[in-house]
Amino acid sequence: KEVLLDLFNKHGYKPVEIIEKTFVTDVSQLSIFRKKVKTV
């Protein structure tokens, strides 16, 4: 992650969000694990 931050700083980009992809983060993006937007 530190290497990625250095690359962004060199090119003038400000990080908003950096997430390391793992099995858990991949699974959490599936629709069955995402909280639904209800009528309310």
PDB file of all heavy atoms in Angstrom:
ATOM      1  N   LYS A   1       0.831  -1.197   0.000  1.00  0.00           N
ATOM      2  CA  LYS A   1       0.000   0.000   0.000  1.00  0.00           C
ATOM      3  C   LYS A   1       0.873   1.258   0.000  1.00  0.00           C
ATOM      4  O   LYS A   1       0.525   2.265  -0.627  1.00  0.00           O
ATOM      5  CB  LYS A   1      -0.916  -0.014   1.224  1.00  0.00           C
ATOM      6  CG  LYS A   1      -1.944   1.103   1.259  1.00  0.00           C
ATOM      7  CD  LYS A   1      -2.874   0.942   2.450  1.00  0.00           C
ATOM      8  CE  LYS A   1      -3.912   2.056   2.491  1.00  0.00           C
ATOM      9  NZ  LYS A   1      -4.839   1.890   3.648  1.00  0.00           N
ATOM     10  N   GLU A   2       2.015   1.188   0.698  1.00  0.00           N
ATOM     11  CA  GLU A   2       2.935   2.335   0.776  1.00  0.00           C
ATOM     12  C   GLU A   2       3.485   2.694  -0.608  1.00  0.00           C
ATOM     13  O   GLU A   2       3.630   3.878  -0.948  1.00  0.00           O
ATOM     14  CB  GLU A   2       4.087   2.032   1.748  1.00  0.00           C
ATOM     15  CG  GLU A   2       3.680   2.023   3.221  1.00  0.00           C
ATOM     16  CD  GLU A   2       2.840   0.820   3.596  1.00  0.00           C
ATOM     17  OE1 GLU A   2       2.921  -0.207   2.875  1.00  0.00           O
ATOM     18  OE2 GLU A   2       2.085   0.911   4.593  1.00  0.00           O
ATOM     19  N   VAL A   3       3.802   1.663  -1.390  1.00  0.00           N
ATOM     20  CA  VAL A   3       4.314   1.892  -2.750  1.00  0.00           C
ATOM     21  C   VAL A   3       3.267   2.603  -3.591  1.00  0.00           C
ATOM     22  O   VAL A   3       3.571   3.536  -4.351  1.00  0.00           O
ATOM     23  CB  VAL A   3       4.727   0.557  -3.407  1.00  0.00           C
ATOM     24  CG1 VAL A   3       5.098   0.769  -4.875  1.00  0.00           C
ATOM     25  CG2 VAL A   3       5.888  -0.082  -2.661  1.00  0.00           C
ATOM     26  N   LEU A   4       1.997   2.185  -3.442  1.00  0.00           N
ATOM     27  CA  LEU A   4       0.904   2.793  -4.195  1.00  0.00           C
ATOM     28  C   LEU A   4       0.706   4.256  -3.788  1.00  0.00           C
ATOM     29  O   LEU A   4       0.478   5.129  -4.645  1.00  0.00           O
ATOM     30  CB  LEU A   4      -0.381   1.998  -3.974  1.00  0.00           C
ATOM     31  CG  LEU A   4      -1.602   2.400  -4.813  1.00  0.00           C
ATOM     32  CD1 LEU A   4      -1.304   2.301  -6.302  1.00  0.00           C
ATOM     33  CD2 LEU A   4      -2.803   1.514  -4.465  1.00  0.00           C
ATOM     34  N   LEU A   5       0.822   4.548  -2.500  1.00  0.00           N
ATOM     35  CA  LEU A   5       0.688   5.921  -2.015  1.00  0.00           C
ATOM     36  C   LEU A   5       1.784   6.819  -2.591  1.00  0.00           C
ATOM     37  O   LEU A   5       1.528   7.979  -2.960  1.00  0.00           O
ATOM     38  CB  LEU A   5       0.739   5.947  -0.480  1.00  0.00           C
ATOM     39  CG  LEU A   5      -0.522   5.446   0.252  1.00  0.00           C
ATOM     40  CD1 LEU A   5      -0.240   5.279   1.736  1.00  0.00           C
ATOM     41  CD2 LEU A   5      -1.687   6.413   0.034  1.00  0.00           C
ATOM     42  N   ASP A   6       3.009   6.277  -2.663  1.00  0.00           N
ATOM     43  CA  ASP A   6       4.120   7.043  -3.244  1.00  0.00           C
ATOM     44  C   ASP A   6       3.861   7.376  -4.714  1.00  0.00           C
ATOM     45  O   ASP A   6       4.140   8.486  -5.179  1.00  0.00           O
ATOM     46  CB  ASP A   6       5.435   6.256  -3.114  1.00  0.00           C
ATOM     47  CG  ASP A   6       5.931   6.210  -1.674  1.00  0.00           C
ATOM     48  OD1 ASP A   6       5.524   7.089  -0.895  1.00  0.00           O
ATOM     49  OD2 ASP A   6       6.700   5.282  -1.332  1.00  0.00           O
ATOM     50  N   LEU A   7       3.323   6.412  -5.447  1.00  0.00           N
ATOM     51  CA  LEU A   7       3.007   6.623  -6.860  1.00  0.00           C
ATOM     52  C   LEU A   7       1.966   7.730  -7.040  1.00  0.00           C
ATOM     53  O   LEU A   7       2.095   8.588  -7.915  1.00  0.00           O
ATOM     54  CB  LEU A   7       2.487   5.325  -7.482  1.00  0.00           C
ATOM     55  CG  LEU A   7       3.520   4.222  -7.755  1.00  0.00           C
ATOM     56  CD1 LEU A   7       2.813   2.935  -8.159  1.00  0.00           C
ATOM     57  CD2 LEU A   7       4.474   4.666  -8.870  1.00  0.00           C
ATOM     58  N   PHE A   8       0.948   7.721  -6.194  1.00  0.00           N
ATOM     59  CA  PHE A   8      -0.086   8.757  -6.272  1.00  0.00           C
ATOM     60  C   PHE A   8       0.485  10.141  -5.955  1.00  0.00           C
ATOM     61  O   PHE A   8       0.155  11.130  -6.619  1.00  0.00           O
ATOM     62  CB  PHE A   8      -1.237   8.429  -5.313  1.00  0.00           C
ATOM     63  CG  PHE A   8      -2.092   7.269  -5.745  1.00  0.00           C
ATOM     64  CD1 PHE A   8      -2.644   6.408  -4.808  1.00  0.00           C
ATOM     65  CD2 PHE A   8      -2.345   7.039  -7.085  1.00  0.00           C
ATOM     66  CE1 PHE A   8      -3.440   5.338  -5.202  1.00  0.00           C
ATOM     67  CE2 PHE A   8      -3.135   5.973  -7.494  1.00  0.00           C
ATOM     68  CZ  PHE A   8      -3.674   5.123  -6.549  1.00  0.00           C
ATOM     69  N   ASN A   9       1.328  10.212  -4.941  1.00  0.00           N
ATOM     70  CA  ASN A   9       1.930  11.492  -4.550  1.00  0.00           C
ATOM     71  C   ASN A   9       2.808  12.069  -5.666  1.00  0.00           C
ATOM     72  O   ASN A   9       2.803  13.278  -5.916  1.00  0.00           O
ATOM     73  CB  ASN A   9       2.752  11.319  -3.274  1.00  0.00           C
ATOM     74  CG  ASN A   9       1.872  11.083  -2.054  1.00  0.00           C
ATOM     75  OD1 ASN A   9       0.742  11.563  -1.997  1.00  0.00           O
ATOM     76  ND2 ASN A   9       2.380  10.342  -1.073  1.00  0.00           N
ATOM     77  N   LYS A  10       3.547  11.199  -6.345  1.00  0.00           N
ATOM     78  CA  LYS A  10       4.430  11.633  -7.432  1.00  0.00           C
ATOM     79  C   LYS A  10       3.648  12.221  -8.599  1.00  0.00           C
ATOM     80  O   LYS A  10       4.115  13.139  -9.285  1.00  0.00           O
ATOM     81  CB  LYS A  10       5.284  10.460  -7.919  1.00  0.00           C
ATOM     82  CG  LYS A  10       6.395  10.075  -6.957  1.00  0.00           C
ATOM     83  CD  LYS A  10       7.171   8.879  -7.486  1.00  0.00           C
ATOM     84  CE  LYS A  10       8.257   8.449  -6.490  1.00  0.00           C
ATOM     85  NZ  LYS A  10       9.004   7.245  -6.976  1.00  0.00           N
ATOM     86  N   HIS A  11       2.465  11.678  -8.845  1.00  0.00           N
ATOM     87  CA  HIS A  11       1.658  12.124  -9.985  1.00  0.00           C
ATOM     88  C   HIS A  11       0.607  13.165  -9.585  1.00  0.00           C
ATOM     89  O   HIS A  11      -0.240  13.550 -10.406  1.00  0.00           O
ATOM     90  CB  HIS A  11       0.974  10.927 -10.648  1.00  0.00           C
ATOM     91  CG  HIS A  11       1.933  10.005 -11.354  1.00  0.00           C
ATOM     92  ND1 HIS A  11       2.604   8.990 -10.694  1.00  0.00           N
ATOM     93  CD2 HIS A  11       2.353   9.968 -12.645  1.00  0.00           C
ATOM     94  CE1 HIS A  11       3.370   8.345 -11.567  1.00  0.00           C
ATOM     95  NE2 HIS A  11       3.247   8.931 -12.756  1.00  0.00           N
ATOM     96  N   GLY A  12       0.622  13.599  -8.330  1.00  0.00           N
ATOM     97  CA  GLY A  12      -0.280  14.665  -7.891  1.00  0.00           C
ATOM     98  C   GLY A  12      -1.704  14.250  -7.603  1.00  0.00           C
ATOM     99  O   GLY A  12      -2.616  15.074  -7.681  1.00  0.00           O
ATOM    100  N   TYR A  13      -1.899  12.976  -7.280  1.00  0.00           N
ATOM    101  CA  TYR A  13      -3.242  12.484  -6.951  1.00  0.00           C
ATOM    102  C   TYR A  13      -3.407  12.348  -5.435  1.00  0.00           C
ATOM    103  O   TYR A  13      -2.488  11.874  -4.746  1.00  0.00           O
ATOM    104  CB  TYR A  13      -3.507  11.131  -7.603  1.00  0.00           C
ATOM    105  CG  TYR A  13      -3.647  11.193  -9.107  1.00  0.00           C
ATOM    106  CD1 TYR A  13      -2.632  10.710  -9.945  1.00  0.00           C
ATOM    107  CD2 TYR A  13      -4.781  11.731  -9.685  1.00  0.00           C
ATOM    108  CE1 TYR A  13      -2.755  10.766 -11.315  1.00  0.00           C
ATOM    109  CE2 TYR A  13      -4.922  11.794 -11.065  1.00  0.00           C
ATOM    110  CZ  TYR A  13      -3.899  11.313 -11.872  1.00  0.00           C
ATOM    111  OH  TYR A  13      -4.018  11.382 -13.233  1.00  0.00           O
ATOM    112  N   LYS A  14      -4.581  12.748  -4.948  1.00  0.00           N
ATOM    113  CA  LYS A  14      -4.879  12.611  -3.527  1.00  0.00           C
ATOM    114  C   LYS A  14      -5.764  11.376  -3.310  1.00  0.00           C
ATOM    115  O   LYS A  14      -6.878  11.309  -3.838  1.00  0.00           O
ATOM    116  CB  LYS A  14      -5.611  13.856  -3.014  1.00  0.00           C
ATOM    117  CG  LYS A  14      -5.892  13.825  -1.515  1.00  0.00           C
ATOM    118  CD  LYS A  14      -6.614  15.083  -1.075  1.00  0.00           C
ATOM    119  CE  LYS A  14      -6.925  15.034   0.419  1.00  0.00           C
ATOM    120  NZ  LYS A  14      -7.645  16.252   0.856  1.00  0.00           N
ATOM    121  N   PRO A  15      -5.281  10.372  -2.547  1.00  0.00           N
ATOM    122  CA  PRO A  15      -6.069   9.150  -2.324  1.00  0.00           C
ATOM    123  C   PRO A  15      -7.358   9.438  -1.551  1.00  0.00           C
ATOM    124  O   PRO A  15      -7.345  10.174  -0.566  1.00  0.00           O
ATOM    125  CB  PRO A  15      -5.128   8.263  -1.506  1.00  0.00           C
ATOM    126  CG  PRO A  15      -3.769   8.834  -1.722  1.00  0.00           C
ATOM    127  CD  PRO A  15      -3.960  10.300  -1.913  1.00  0.00           C
ATOM    128  N   VAL A  16      -8.447   8.878  -2.031  1.00  0.00           N
ATOM    129  CA  VAL A  16      -9.729   8.963  -1.335  1.00  0.00           C
ATOM    130  C   VAL A  16     -10.018   7.635  -0.639  1.00  0.00           C
ATOM    131  O   VAL A  16     -10.463   7.594   0.506  1.00  0.00           O
ATOM    132  CB  VAL A  16     -10.880   9.293  -2.321  1.00  0.00           C
ATOM    133  CG1 VAL A  16     -12.222   9.290  -1.593  1.00  0.00           C
ATOM    134  CG2 VAL A  16     -10.637  10.631  -2.985  1.00  0.00           C
ATOM    135  N   GLU A  17      -9.711   6.546  -1.339  1.00  0.00           N
ATOM    136  CA  GLU A  17      -9.968   5.207  -0.782  1.00  0.00           C
ATOM    137  C   GLU A  17      -9.039   4.199  -1.435  1.00  0.00           C
ATOM    138  O   GLU A  17      -8.888   4.180  -2.655  1.00  0.00           O
ATOM    139  CB  GLU A  17     -11.433   4.813  -1.028  1.00  0.00           C
ATOM    140  CG  GLU A  17     -11.841   3.497  -0.416  1.00  0.00           C
ATOM    141  CD  GLU A  17     -13.307   3.175  -0.698  1.00  0.00           C
ATOM    142  OE1 GLU A  17     -13.602   2.852  -1.876  1.00  0.00           O
ATOM    143  OE2 GLU A  17     -14.143   3.275   0.220  1.00  0.00           O
ATOM    144  N   ILE A  18      -8.381   3.374  -0.610  1.00  0.00           N
ATOM    145  CA  ILE A  18      -7.525   2.297  -1.105  1.00  0.00           C
ATOM    146  C   ILE A  18      -7.880   1.031  -0.336  1.00  0.00           C
ATOM    147  O   ILE A  18      -7.816   1.008   0.898  1.00  0.00           O
ATOM    148  CB  ILE A  18      -6.025   2.616  -0.915  1.00  0.00           C
ATOM    149  CG1 ILE A  18      -5.628   3.870  -1.708  1.00  0.00           C
ATOM    150  CG2 ILE A  18      -5.168   1.429  -1.363  1.00  0.00           C
ATOM    151  CD1 ILE A  18      -4.193   4.309  -1.484  1.00  0.00           C
ATOM    152  N   ILE A  19      -8.270  -0.013  -1.066  1.00  0.00           N
ATOM    153  CA  ILE A  19      -8.678  -1.266  -0.425  1.00  0.00           C
ATOM    154  C   ILE A  19      -7.923  -2.426  -1.067  1.00  0.00           C
ATOM    155  O   ILE A  19      -7.898  -2.556  -2.301  1.00  0.00           O
ATOM    156  CB  ILE A  19     -10.199  -1.509  -0.567  1.00  0.00           C
ATOM    157  CG1 ILE A  19     -10.985  -0.364   0.087  1.00  0.00           C
ATOM    158  CG2 ILE A  19     -10.600  -2.852   0.047  1.00  0.00           C
ATOM    159  CD1 ILE A  19     -12.482  -0.458  -0.125  1.00  0.00           C
ATOM    160  N   GLU A  20      -7.327  -3.256  -0.224  1.00  0.00           N
ATOM    161  CA  GLU A  20      -6.657  -4.449  -0.728  1.00  0.00           C
ATOM    162  C   GLU A  20      -7.707  -5.517  -1.022  1.00  0.00           C
ATOM    163  O   GLU A  20      -8.544  -5.827  -0.162  1.00  0.00           O
ATOM    164  CB  GLU A  20      -5.644  -4.980   0.278  1.00  0.00           C
ATOM    165  CG  GLU A  20      -4.882  -6.205  -0.223  1.00  0.00           C
ATOM    166  CD  GLU A  20      -3.868  -6.737   0.778  1.00  0.00           C
ATOM    167  OE1 GLU A  20      -3.688  -6.098   1.832  1.00  0.00           O
ATOM    168  OE2 GLU A  20      -3.270  -7.791   0.501  1.00  0.00           O
ATOM    169  N   LYS A  21      -7.675  -6.060  -2.229  1.00  0.00           N
ATOM    170  CA  LYS A  21      -8.657  -7.068  -2.617  1.00  0.00           C
ATOM    171  C   LYS A  21      -8.318  -8.407  -1.978  1.00  0.00           C
ATOM    172  O   LYS A  21      -7.206  -8.905  -2.091  1.00  0.00           O
ATOM    173  CB  LYS A  21      -8.704  -7.238  -4.137  1.00  0.00           C
ATOM    174  CG  LYS A  21      -9.332  -6.058  -4.876  1.00  0.00           C
ATOM    175  CD  LYS A  21      -9.655  -6.393  -6.305  1.00  0.00           C
ATOM    176  CE  LYS A  21     -10.820  -7.343  -6.396  1.00  0.00           C
ATOM    177  NZ  LYS A  21     -11.206  -7.619  -7.798  1.00  0.00           N
ATOM    178  N   THR A  22      -9.289  -8.956  -1.274  1.00  0.00           N
ATOM    179  CA  THR A  22      -9.170 -10.287  -0.680  1.00  0.00           C
ATOM    180  C   THR A  22     -10.440 -11.046  -0.999  1.00  0.00           C
ATOM    181  O   THR A  22     -11.374 -10.502  -1.600  1.00  0.00           O
ATOM    182  CB  THR A  22      -9.004 -10.200   0.849  1.00  0.00           C
ATOM    183  OG1 THR A  22     -10.178  -9.592   1.405  1.00  0.00           O
ATOM    184  CG2 THR A  22      -7.779  -9.373   1.227  1.00  0.00           C
ATOM    185  N   PHE A  23     -10.509 -12.282  -0.585  1.00  0.00           N
ATOM    186  CA  PHE A  23     -11.725 -13.073  -0.804  1.00  0.00           C
ATOM    187  C   PHE A  23     -12.919 -12.407  -0.125  1.00  0.00           C
ATOM    188  O   PHE A  23     -14.010 -12.337  -0.669  1.00  0.00           O
ATOM    189  CB  PHE A  23     -11.541 -14.488  -0.263  1.00  0.00           C
ATOM    190  CG  PHE A  23     -12.808 -15.313  -0.300  1.00  0.00           C
ATOM    191  CD1 PHE A  23     -13.253 -15.870  -1.487  1.00  0.00           C
ATOM    192  CD2 PHE A  23     -13.566 -15.501   0.854  1.00  0.00           C
ATOM    193  CE1 PHE A  23     -14.426 -16.616  -1.534  1.00  0.00           C
ATOM    194  CE2 PHE A  23     -14.737 -16.245   0.813  1.00  0.00           C
ATOM    195  CZ  PHE A  23     -15.154 -16.807  -0.383  1.00  0.00           C
ATOM    196  N   VAL A  24     -12.676 -11.889   1.087  1.00  0.00           N
ATOM    197  CA  VAL A  24     -13.760 -11.273   1.858  1.00  0.00           C
ATOM    198  C   VAL A  24     -14.290 -10.035   1.155  1.00  0.00           C
ATOM    199  O   VAL A  24     -15.491  -9.827   1.034  1.00  0.00           O
ATOM    200  CB  VAL A  24     -13.282 -10.918   3.284  1.00  0.00           C
ATOM    201  CG1 VAL A  24     -14.375 -10.156   4.031  1.00  0.00           C
ATOM    202  CG2 VAL A  24     -12.901 -12.176   4.038  1.00  0.00           C
ATOM    203  N   THR A  25     -13.377  -9.169   0.648  1.00  0.00           N
ATOM    204  CA  THR A  25     -13.835  -7.948  -0.026  1.00  0.00           C
ATOM    205  C   THR A  25     -14.525  -8.267  -1.332  1.00  0.00           C
ATOM    206  O   THR A  25     -15.464  -7.597  -1.730  1.00  0.00           O
ATOM    207  CB  THR A  25     -12.657  -6.988  -0.294  1.00  0.00           C
ATOM    208  OG1 THR A  25     -11.657  -7.675  -1.066  1.00  0.00           O
ATOM    209  CG2 THR A  25     -12.045  -6.510   1.000  1.00  0.00           C
ATOM    210  N   ASP A  26     -14.075  -9.323  -2.046  1.00  0.00           N
ATOM    211  CA  ASP A  26     -14.734  -9.723  -3.292  1.00  0.00           C
ATOM    212  C   ASP A  26     -16.148 -10.213  -3.025  1.00  0.00           C
ATOM    213  O   ASP A  26     -17.093  -9.859  -3.722  1.00  0.00           O
ATOM    214  CB  ASP A  26     -13.930 -10.829  -3.987  1.00  0.00           C
ATOM    215  CG  ASP A  26     -12.704 -10.272  -4.709  1.00  0.00           C
ATOM    216  OD1 ASP A  26     -12.644  -9.042  -4.884  1.00  0.00           O
ATOM    217  OD2 ASP A  26     -11.821 -11.063  -5.074  1.00  0.00           O
ATOM    218  N   VAL A  27     -16.274 -11.057  -1.992  1.00  0.00           N
ATOM    219  CA  VAL A  27     -17.580 -11.619  -1.651  1.00  0.00           C
ATOM    220  C   VAL A  27     -18.539 -10.527  -1.199  1.00  0.00           C
ATOM    221  O   VAL A  27     -19.719 -10.535  -1.524  1.00  0.00           O
ATOM    222  CB  VAL A  27     -17.437 -12.699  -0.543  1.00  0.00           C
ATOM    223  CG1 VAL A  27     -18.794 -13.079   0.017  1.00  0.00           C
ATOM    224  CG2 VAL A  27     -16.738 -13.927  -1.104  1.00  0.00           C
ATOM    225  N   SER A  28     -18.011  -9.531  -0.467  1.00  0.00           N
ATOM    226  CA  SER A  28     -18.873  -8.467   0.054  1.00  0.00           C
ATOM    227  C   SER A  28     -19.492  -7.614  -1.049  1.00  0.00           C
ATOM    228  O   SER A  28     -20.479  -6.931  -0.835  1.00  0.00           O
ATOM    229  CB  SER A  28     -18.080  -7.566   1.017  1.00  0.00           C
ATOM    230  OG  SER A  28     -17.077  -6.862   0.304  1.00  0.00           O
ATOM    231  N   GLN A  29     -18.888  -7.668  -2.251  1.00  0.00           N
ATOM    232  CA  GLN A  29     -19.421  -6.888  -3.368  1.00  0.00           C
ATOM    233  C   GLN A  29     -20.556  -7.608  -4.085  1.00  0.00           C
ATOM    234  O   GLN A  29     -21.227  -7.026  -4.926  1.00  0.00           O
ATOM    235  CB  GLN A  29     -18.297  -6.586  -4.384  1.00  0.00           C
ATOM    236  CG  GLN A  29     -17.194  -5.690  -3.831  1.00  0.00           C
ATOM    237  CD  GLN A  29     -17.723  -4.376  -3.304  1.00  0.00           C
ATOM    238  OE1 GLN A  29     -18.457  -3.687  -3.996  1.00  0.00           O
ATOM    239  NE2 GLN A  29     -17.348  -4.020  -2.080  1.00  0.00           N
ATOM    240  N   LEU A  30     -20.744  -8.896  -3.770  1.00  0.00           N
ATOM    241  CA  LEU A  30     -21.848  -9.636  -4.386  1.00  0.00           C
ATOM    242  C   LEU A  30     -23.167  -9.058  -3.921  1.00  0.00           C
ATOM    243  O   LEU A  30     -23.305  -8.605  -2.781  1.00  0.00           O
ATOM    244  CB  LEU A  30     -21.765 -11.125  -4.021  1.00  0.00           C
ATOM    245  CG  LEU A  30     -20.542 -11.892  -4.561  1.00  0.00           C
ATOM    246  CD1 LEU A  30     -20.534 -13.302  -3.991  1.00  0.00           C
ATOM    247  CD2 LEU A  30     -20.530 -11.929  -6.076  1.00  0.00           C
ATOM    248  N   SER A  31     -24.181  -9.102  -4.797  1.00  0.00           N
ATOM    249  CA  SER A  31     -25.478  -8.488  -4.492  1.00  0.00           C
ATOM    250  C   SER A  31     -26.141  -9.093  -3.263  1.00  0.00           C
ATOM    251  O   SER A  31     -26.850  -8.403  -2.535  1.00  0.00           O
ATOM    252  CB  SER A  31     -26.407  -8.614  -5.701  1.00  0.00           C
ATOM    253  OG  SER A  31     -26.605  -9.973  -6.031  1.00  0.00           O
ATOM    254  N   ILE A  32     -25.890 -10.395  -3.008  1.00  0.00           N
ATOM    255  CA  ILE A  32     -26.553 -11.036  -1.871  1.00  0.00           C
ATOM    256  C   ILE A  32     -26.000 -10.529  -0.548  1.00  0.00           C
ATOM    257  O   ILE A  32     -26.617 -10.700   0.505  1.00  0.00           O
ATOM    258  CB  ILE A  32     -26.431 -12.579  -1.943  1.00  0.00           C
ATOM    259  CG1 ILE A  32     -24.956 -12.997  -1.997  1.00  0.00           C
ATOM    260  CG2 ILE A  32     -27.193 -13.124  -3.117  1.00  0.00           C
ATOM    261  CD1 ILE A  32     -24.755 -14.504  -1.912  1.00  0.00           C
ATOM    262  N   PHE A  33     -24.791  -9.939  -0.560  1.00  0.00           N
ATOM    263  CA  PHE A  33     -24.191  -9.430   0.662  1.00  0.00           C
ATOM    264  C   PHE A  33     -24.337  -7.911   0.795  1.00  0.00           C
ATOM    265  O   PHE A  33     -23.998  -7.350   1.821  1.00  0.00           O
ATOM    266  CB  PHE A  33     -22.707  -9.811   0.732  1.00  0.00           C
ATOM    267  CG  PHE A  33     -22.477 -11.293   0.896  1.00  0.00           C
ATOM    268  CD1 PHE A  33     -22.167 -12.094  -0.194  1.00  0.00           C
ATOM    269  CD2 PHE A  33     -22.592 -11.885   2.139  1.00  0.00           C
ATOM    270  CE1 PHE A  33     -21.959 -13.455  -0.042  1.00  0.00           C
ATOM    271  CE2 PHE A  33     -22.390 -13.242   2.296  1.00  0.00           C
ATOM    272  CZ  PHE A  33     -22.069 -14.035   1.214  1.00  0.00           C
ATOM    273  N   ARG A  34     -24.811  -7.258  -0.258  1.00  0.00           N
ATOM    274  CA  ARG A  34     -24.984  -5.810  -0.198  1.00  0.00           C
ATOM    275  C   ARG A  34     -26.352  -5.479   0.390  1.00  0.00           C
ATOM    276  O   ARG A  34     -27.342  -6.146   0.100  1.00  0.00           O
ATOM    277  CB  ARG A  34     -24.870  -5.202  -1.594  1.00  0.00           C
ATOM    278  CG  ARG A  34     -23.491  -5.345  -2.218  1.00  0.00           C
ATOM    279  CD  ARG A  34     -23.477  -4.734  -3.601  1.00  0.00           C
ATOM    280  NE  ARG A  34     -23.674  -3.298  -3.540  1.00  0.00           N
ATOM    281  CZ  ARG A  34     -23.971  -2.558  -4.595  1.00  0.00           C
ATOM    282  NH1 ARG A  34     -24.152  -3.109  -5.771  1.00  0.00           N
ATOM    283  NH2 ARG A  34     -24.123  -1.254  -4.472  1.00  0.00           N
ATOM    284  N   LYS A  35     -26.377  -4.460   1.217  1.00  0.00           N
ATOM    285  CA  LYS A  35     -27.646  -4.057   1.818  1.00  0.00           C
ATOM    286  C   LYS A  35     -28.543  -3.443   0.756  1.00  0.00           C
ATOM    287  O   LYS A  35     -28.128  -2.547   0.012  1.00  0.00           O
ATOM    288  CB  LYS A  35     -27.397  -3.058   2.943  1.00  0.00           C
ATOM    289  CG  LYS A  35     -28.656  -2.743   3.743  1.00  0.00           C
ATOM    290  CD  LYS A  35     -28.347  -1.905   4.958  1.00  0.00           C
ATOM    291  CE  LYS A  35     -29.614  -1.651   5.771  1.00  0.00           C
ATOM    292  NZ  LYS A  35     -29.345  -0.830   6.961  1.00  0.00           N
ATOM    293  N   LYS A  36     -29.774  -3.904   0.684  1.00  0.00           N
ATOM    294  CA  LYS A  36     -30.694  -3.416  -0.337  1.00  0.00           C
ATOM    295  C   LYS A  36     -31.202  -2.021   0.012  1.00  0.00           C
ATOM    296  O   LYS A  36     -31.301  -1.642   1.173  1.00  0.00           O
ATOM    297  CB  LYS A  36     -31.878  -4.378  -0.477  1.00  0.00           C
ATOM    298  CG  LYS A  36     -31.507  -5.720  -1.087  1.00  0.00           C
ATOM    299  CD  LYS A  36     -32.746  -6.574  -1.277  1.00  0.00           C
ATOM    300  CE  LYS A  36     -32.404  -7.903  -1.948  1.00  0.00           C
ATOM    301  NZ  LYS A  36     -33.598  -8.745  -2.148  1.00  0.00           N
ATOM    302  N   VAL A  37     -31.517  -1.287  -1.030  1.00  0.00           N
ATOM    303  CA  VAL A  37     -32.142   0.027  -0.856  1.00  0.00           C
ATOM    304  C   VAL A  37     -33.647  -0.197  -0.851  1.00  0.00           C
ATOM    305  O   VAL A  37     -34.235  -0.571  -1.866  1.00  0.00           O
ATOM    306  CB  VAL A  37     -31.736   0.999  -1.977  1.00  0.00           C
ATOM    307  CG1 VAL A  37     -32.448   2.333  -1.804  1.00  0.00           C
ATOM    308  CG2 VAL A  37     -30.220   1.201  -1.985  1.00  0.00           C
ATOM    309  N   LYS A  38     -34.271   0.005   0.291  1.00  0.00           N
ATOM    310  CA  LYS A  38     -35.699  -0.278   0.453  1.00  0.00           C
ATOM    311  C   LYS A  38     -36.540   0.939   0.070  1.00  0.00           C
ATOM    312  O   LYS A  38     -36.020   2.039  -0.130  1.00  0.00           O
ATOM    313  CB  LYS A  38     -35.981  -0.690   1.899  1.00  0.00           C
ATOM    314  CG  LYS A  38     -35.245  -1.948   2.329  1.00  0.00           C
ATOM    315  CD  LYS A  38     -35.562  -2.294   3.775  1.00  0.00           C
ATOM    316  CE  LYS A  38     -34.831  -3.554   4.219  1.00  0.00           C
ATOM    317  NZ  LYS A  38     -35.106  -3.874   5.637  1.00  0.00           N
ATOM    318  N   THR A  39     -37.833   0.711   0.012  1.00  0.00           N
ATOM    319  CA  THR A  39     -38.771   1.779  -0.335  1.00  0.00           C
ATOM    320  C   THR A  39     -38.683   2.937   0.650  1.00  0.00           C
ATOM    321  O   THR A  39     -38.749   4.110   0.258  1.00  0.00           O
ATOM    322  CB  THR A  39     -40.213   1.236  -0.364  1.00  0.00           C
ATOM    323  OG1 THR A  39     -40.279   0.099  -1.226  1.00  0.00           O
ATOM    324  CG2 THR A  39     -41.185   2.283  -0.870  1.00  0.00           C
ATOM    325  N   VAL A  40     -38.516   2.614   1.931  1.00  0.00           N
ATOM    326  CA  VAL A  40     -38.427   3.665   2.951  1.00  0.00           C
ATOM    327  C   VAL A  40     -37.168   4.514   2.748  1.00  0.00           C
ATOM    328  O   VAL A  40     -37.179   5.726   3.008  1.00  0.00           O
ATOM    329  CB  VAL A  40     -38.462   3.047   4.376  1.00  0.00           C
ATOM    330  CG1 VAL A  40     -37.231   2.179   4.641  1.00  0.00           C
ATOM    331  CG2 VAL A  40     -38.604   4.134   5.431  1.00  0.00           C
TER     332      VAL A  40
END
